[in-house]
Amino acid sequence: MKPWSHELMATERQLLQSVVAVARYIYGAAASSVFMVSPDTGELIFAAVAGEGEEGLVGRRFEPGTGIAGWVAASGQPLITDNVAGTEQFAGDAAASTGYVPASIMAAPLIADGECIGVIEVLDRHVHDTGSPSRELDDIELLGLLATQAALSLALLRRSEQAASAVPRMGDLVARLSEHAVLDSSDPLALSLLGISLDLLDRRSHPAQKGV
């Protein structure tokens, strides 16, 4: 499989947008987002955002290791804090640049093929039982499940897209064979393959009529 790319197809963007929308709804959060990690630079790139600060954020980049998302991407471990101001990994300047500074953050890595390809964050979730360790554990476990599903779905989409692009079209094959035949018209194998391909193409375009 090719190395992971941060470039997203339309279906992948739709998938991630639905994931952040679901995450925001589940937690009653102010916002939720997904960062993709650039395999070339390690930068964190906003890929999908729902809620506060969502306008104009998709496509924004941050340096590798920036903030809580950067720590989660580097460590491959989830993190939850209800006091970002007192959290060492929090980058206040980066948060302020998005137009929304949260009081609490949950984040989990998106792992595909053994590497962290992105990070999902939930900002200012609604907390029913403040300070309860069991509640925090439930919240972060659920976010981990969402992250796992998102990463798996992305990987499956990538594989299906690569498989589809790897199947040559009949017209492309004929064009390549024609070029080869022109370059070396004395090549009997090339001419035979060209003849077979043209015959198959002709049959596909004009299927035999039954009952004639």
Protein backbone atom coordinates (compact mmCIF):
# COMPACT_ATOMS: atom_id res chain seq x y z
CA MET A 1 0.00 0.00 0.00
CA LYS A 2 1.24 3.51 -0.81
CA PRO A 3 2.39 5.76 2.04
CA TRP A 4 -0.49 7.65 3.58
CA SER A 5 -1.27 11.02 2.02
CA HIS A 6 -3.02 13.92 3.74
CA GLU A 7 -4.79 14.82 0.48
CA LEU A 8 -8.45 13.90 0.84
CA MET A 9 -11.00 12.92 -1.77
CA ALA A 10 -14.54 14.31 -1.57
CA THR A 11 -15.91 11.10 -0.05
CA GLU A 12 -13.18 11.13 2.61
CA ARG A 13 -13.96 14.73 3.53
CA GLN A 14 -17.65 13.85 3.82
CA LEU A 15 -16.76 10.91 6.06
CA LEU A 16 -14.67 13.05 8.41
CA GLN A 17 -17.27 15.81 8.46
CA SER A 18 -19.91 13.29 9.53
CA VAL A 19 -17.54 11.96 12.23
CA VAL A 20 -17.00 15.39 13.81
CA ALA A 21 -20.72 16.16 13.59
CA VAL A 22 -21.52 12.90 15.41
CA ALA A 23 -18.83 13.51 18.03
CA ARG A 24 -20.14 16.99 18.75
CA TYR A 25 -23.68 15.69 19.08
CA ILE A 26 -22.77 12.74 21.32
CA TYR A 27 -20.90 14.90 23.82
CA GLY A 28 -23.03 18.02 23.54
CA ALA A 29 -19.75 19.76 22.77
CA ALA A 30 -19.03 23.29 21.62
CA ALA A 31 -16.93 21.94 18.78
CA SER A 32 -15.23 18.90 17.33
CA SER A 33 -12.51 18.62 14.71
CA VAL A 34 -10.18 16.24 12.90
CA PHE A 35 -6.58 17.04 12.02
CA MET A 36 -4.75 15.03 9.40
CA VAL A 37 -1.00 14.58 9.84
CA SER A 38 1.07 15.39 6.75
CA PRO A 39 3.35 12.41 6.05
CA ASP A 40 5.84 14.77 4.41
CA THR A 41 6.15 17.54 6.99
CA GLY A 42 4.37 16.23 10.08
CA GLU A 43 2.15 19.32 10.05
CA LEU A 44 -1.35 19.16 11.54
CA ILE A 45 -3.96 20.07 8.96
CA PHE A 46 -7.59 20.84 9.76
CA ALA A 47 -9.61 18.36 7.68
CA ALA A 48 -13.09 18.69 9.23
CA VAL A 49 -14.65 20.99 11.82
CA ALA A 50 -18.09 21.19 13.43
CA GLY A 51 -19.20 23.92 15.82
CA GLU A 52 -17.31 26.89 17.24
CA GLY A 53 -14.62 28.34 15.01
CA GLU A 54 -15.49 26.14 12.04
CA GLU A 55 -15.58 28.99 9.52
CA GLY A 56 -12.42 29.05 7.45
CA LEU A 57 -10.49 26.49 9.50
CA VAL A 58 -10.42 23.59 7.04
CA GLY A 59 -7.01 23.55 5.40
CA ARG A 60 -5.28 25.54 8.18
CA ARG A 61 -1.90 24.11 9.18
CA PHE A 62 0.05 23.97 12.42
CA GLU A 63 3.65 23.00 13.04
CA PRO A 64 4.37 19.38 14.09
CA GLY A 65 3.86 18.81 17.80
CA THR A 66 1.66 21.88 18.27
CA GLY A 67 -0.66 21.70 21.26
CA ILE A 68 -2.61 18.75 22.52
CA ALA A 69 -3.31 17.46 19.00
CA GLY A 70 0.41 17.50 18.28
CA TRP A 71 1.20 15.59 21.45
CA VAL A 72 -1.47 12.96 20.68
CA ALA A 73 -0.19 12.58 17.11
CA ALA A 74 3.40 12.13 18.30
CA SER A 75 2.62 9.77 21.18
CA GLY A 76 -0.27 7.85 19.65
CA GLN A 77 -2.06 8.15 23.00
CA PRO A 78 -5.39 9.82 23.85
CA LEU A 79 -5.56 12.76 26.25
CA ILE A 80 -8.36 14.37 28.24
CA THR A 81 -8.23 17.55 30.30
CA ASP A 82 -10.91 19.71 31.87
CA ASN A 83 -8.39 22.47 32.60
CA VAL A 84 -6.47 23.30 29.44
CA ALA A 85 -4.85 26.35 31.05
CA GLY A 86 -3.09 24.03 33.49
CA THR A 87 -2.16 21.41 30.88
CA GLU A 88 1.44 21.41 29.71
CA GLN A 89 0.61 20.25 26.19
CA PHE A 90 -1.93 23.02 25.52
CA ALA A 91 -0.87 25.75 23.06
CA GLY A 92 -2.87 28.85 23.89
CA ASP A 93 -1.60 30.92 20.98
CA ALA A 94 -2.52 28.25 18.45
CA ALA A 95 -5.99 27.88 19.99
CA ALA A 96 -6.54 31.66 19.98
CA SER A 97 -5.66 31.80 16.28
CA THR A 98 -8.64 29.54 15.51
CA GLY A 99 -11.07 32.01 17.04
CA TYR A 100 -12.11 29.78 19.94
CA VAL A 101 -10.23 28.94 23.14
CA PRO A 102 -11.79 25.97 24.98
CA ALA A 103 -11.72 25.18 28.67
CA SER A 104 -11.62 21.41 28.13
CA ILE A 105 -10.32 19.13 25.39
CA MET A 106 -10.46 15.43 24.61
CA ALA A 107 -8.28 14.06 21.84
CA ALA A 108 -7.61 10.62 20.36
CA PRO A 109 -5.33 9.42 17.54
CA LEU A 110 -6.51 8.00 14.22
CA ILE A 111 -4.31 4.95 13.66
CA ALA A 112 -4.13 3.28 10.24
CA ASP A 113 -1.64 0.60 9.22
CA GLY A 114 0.26 1.12 12.45
CA GLU A 115 0.78 4.87 12.09
CA CYS A 116 -1.02 7.96 13.38
CA ILE A 117 -2.63 9.63 10.38
CA GLY A 118 -4.70 12.15 12.30
CA VAL A 119 -6.27 13.32 15.56
CA ILE A 120 -9.88 13.85 16.55
CA GLU A 121 -10.63 16.49 19.20
CA VAL A 122 -13.75 17.37 21.18
CA LEU A 123 -13.84 20.83 22.75
CA ASP A 124 -15.87 21.76 25.84
CA ARG A 125 -18.01 18.65 26.04
CA HIS A 126 -21.02 18.70 28.33
CA VAL A 127 -19.98 17.06 31.63
CA HIS A 128 -22.79 15.48 33.65
CA ASP A 129 -20.63 14.35 36.56
CA THR A 130 -17.76 16.80 36.96
CA GLY A 131 -14.51 15.25 38.08
CA SER A 132 -15.74 11.65 38.00
CA PRO A 133 -12.86 9.37 36.92
CA SER A 134 -15.28 6.75 35.60
CA ARG A 135 -17.10 9.36 33.53
CA GLU A 136 -13.84 10.60 32.03
CA LEU A 137 -12.83 7.02 31.23
CA ASP A 138 -16.15 6.39 29.47
CA ASP A 139 -15.82 9.60 27.47
CA ILE A 140 -12.28 8.94 26.26
CA GLU A 141 -13.05 5.28 25.47
CA LEU A 142 -16.00 6.32 23.31
CA LEU A 143 -13.86 8.90 21.54
CA GLY A 144 -11.26 6.19 20.93
CA LEU A 145 -13.92 4.05 19.27
CA LEU A 146 -14.93 6.94 17.02
CA ALA A 147 -11.28 7.51 16.11
CA THR A 148 -10.81 3.83 15.31
CA GLN A 149 -13.90 3.77 13.09
CA ALA A 150 -12.82 6.93 11.29
CA ALA A 151 -9.31 5.61 10.63
CA LEU A 152 -10.62 2.22 9.46
CA SER A 153 -13.15 3.84 7.15
CA LEU A 154 -10.50 6.13 5.66
CA ALA A 155 -8.16 3.19 5.09
CA LEU A 156 -10.92 1.21 3.36
CA LEU A 157 -11.80 4.17 1.16
CA ARG A 158 -8.15 4.63 0.19
CA ARG A 159 -7.81 0.96 -0.70
CA SER A 160 -10.95 0.98 -2.83
CA GLU A 161 -9.82 4.16 -4.62
CA GLN A 162 -6.38 2.70 -5.30
CA ALA A 163 -7.88 -0.57 -6.55
CA ALA A 164 -10.22 1.29 -8.89
CA SER A 165 -7.42 3.43 -10.29
CA ALA A 166 -5.23 0.36 -10.82
CA VAL A 167 -7.70 -1.27 -13.24
CA PRO A 168 -6.80 -0.18 -16.81
CA ARG A 169 -9.53 0.95 -19.17
CA MET A 170 -9.98 -0.89 -22.45
CA GLY A 171 -9.45 2.31 -24.41
CA ASP A 172 -6.15 2.96 -22.66
CA LEU A 173 -4.95 -0.55 -23.45
CA VAL A 174 -5.90 -0.21 -27.09
CA ALA A 175 -4.15 3.15 -27.31
CA ARG A 176 -0.97 1.71 -25.80
CA LEU A 177 -1.08 -1.33 -28.10
CA SER A 178 -1.70 0.91 -31.10
CA GLU A 179 1.30 3.04 -30.23
CA HIS A 180 3.47 -0.05 -29.90
CA ALA A 181 2.21 -1.43 -33.19
CA VAL A 182 3.01 1.83 -34.98
CA LEU A 183 6.51 1.85 -33.55
CA ASP A 184 7.13 -1.72 -34.62
CA SER A 185 4.56 -2.94 -37.11
CA SER A 186 6.54 -6.12 -37.67
CA ASP A 187 5.96 -7.29 -34.07
CA PRO A 188 3.45 -10.15 -34.49
CA LEU A 189 2.67 -10.32 -30.75
CA ALA A 190 1.78 -6.66 -30.59
CA LEU A 191 -0.40 -6.96 -33.67
CA SER A 192 -2.15 -10.03 -32.29
CA LEU A 193 -2.85 -8.35 -28.97
CA LEU A 194 -4.12 -5.28 -30.76
CA GLY A 195 -6.42 -7.41 -32.88
CA ILE A 196 -7.81 -9.25 -29.85
CA SER A 197 -8.34 -5.99 -27.96
CA LEU A 198 -10.12 -4.37 -30.89
CA ASP A 199 -12.30 -7.46 -31.30
CA LEU A 200 -13.26 -7.41 -27.63
CA LEU A 201 -13.96 -3.70 -27.81
CA ASP A 202 -16.11 -4.19 -30.89
CA ARG A 203 -18.13 -6.98 -29.21
CA ARG A 204 -18.64 -4.80 -26.14
CA SER A 205 -19.91 -1.93 -28.30
CA HIS A 206 -22.11 -4.17 -30.51
CA PRO A 207 -23.40 -7.16 -28.50
CA ALA A 208 -24.77 -10.06 -30.51
CA GLN A 209 -28.49 -9.92 -31.11
CA LYS A 210 -30.43 -12.98 -30.07
CA GLY A 211 -33.10 -14.56 -32.26
CA VAL A 212 -31.70 -13.27 -35.60
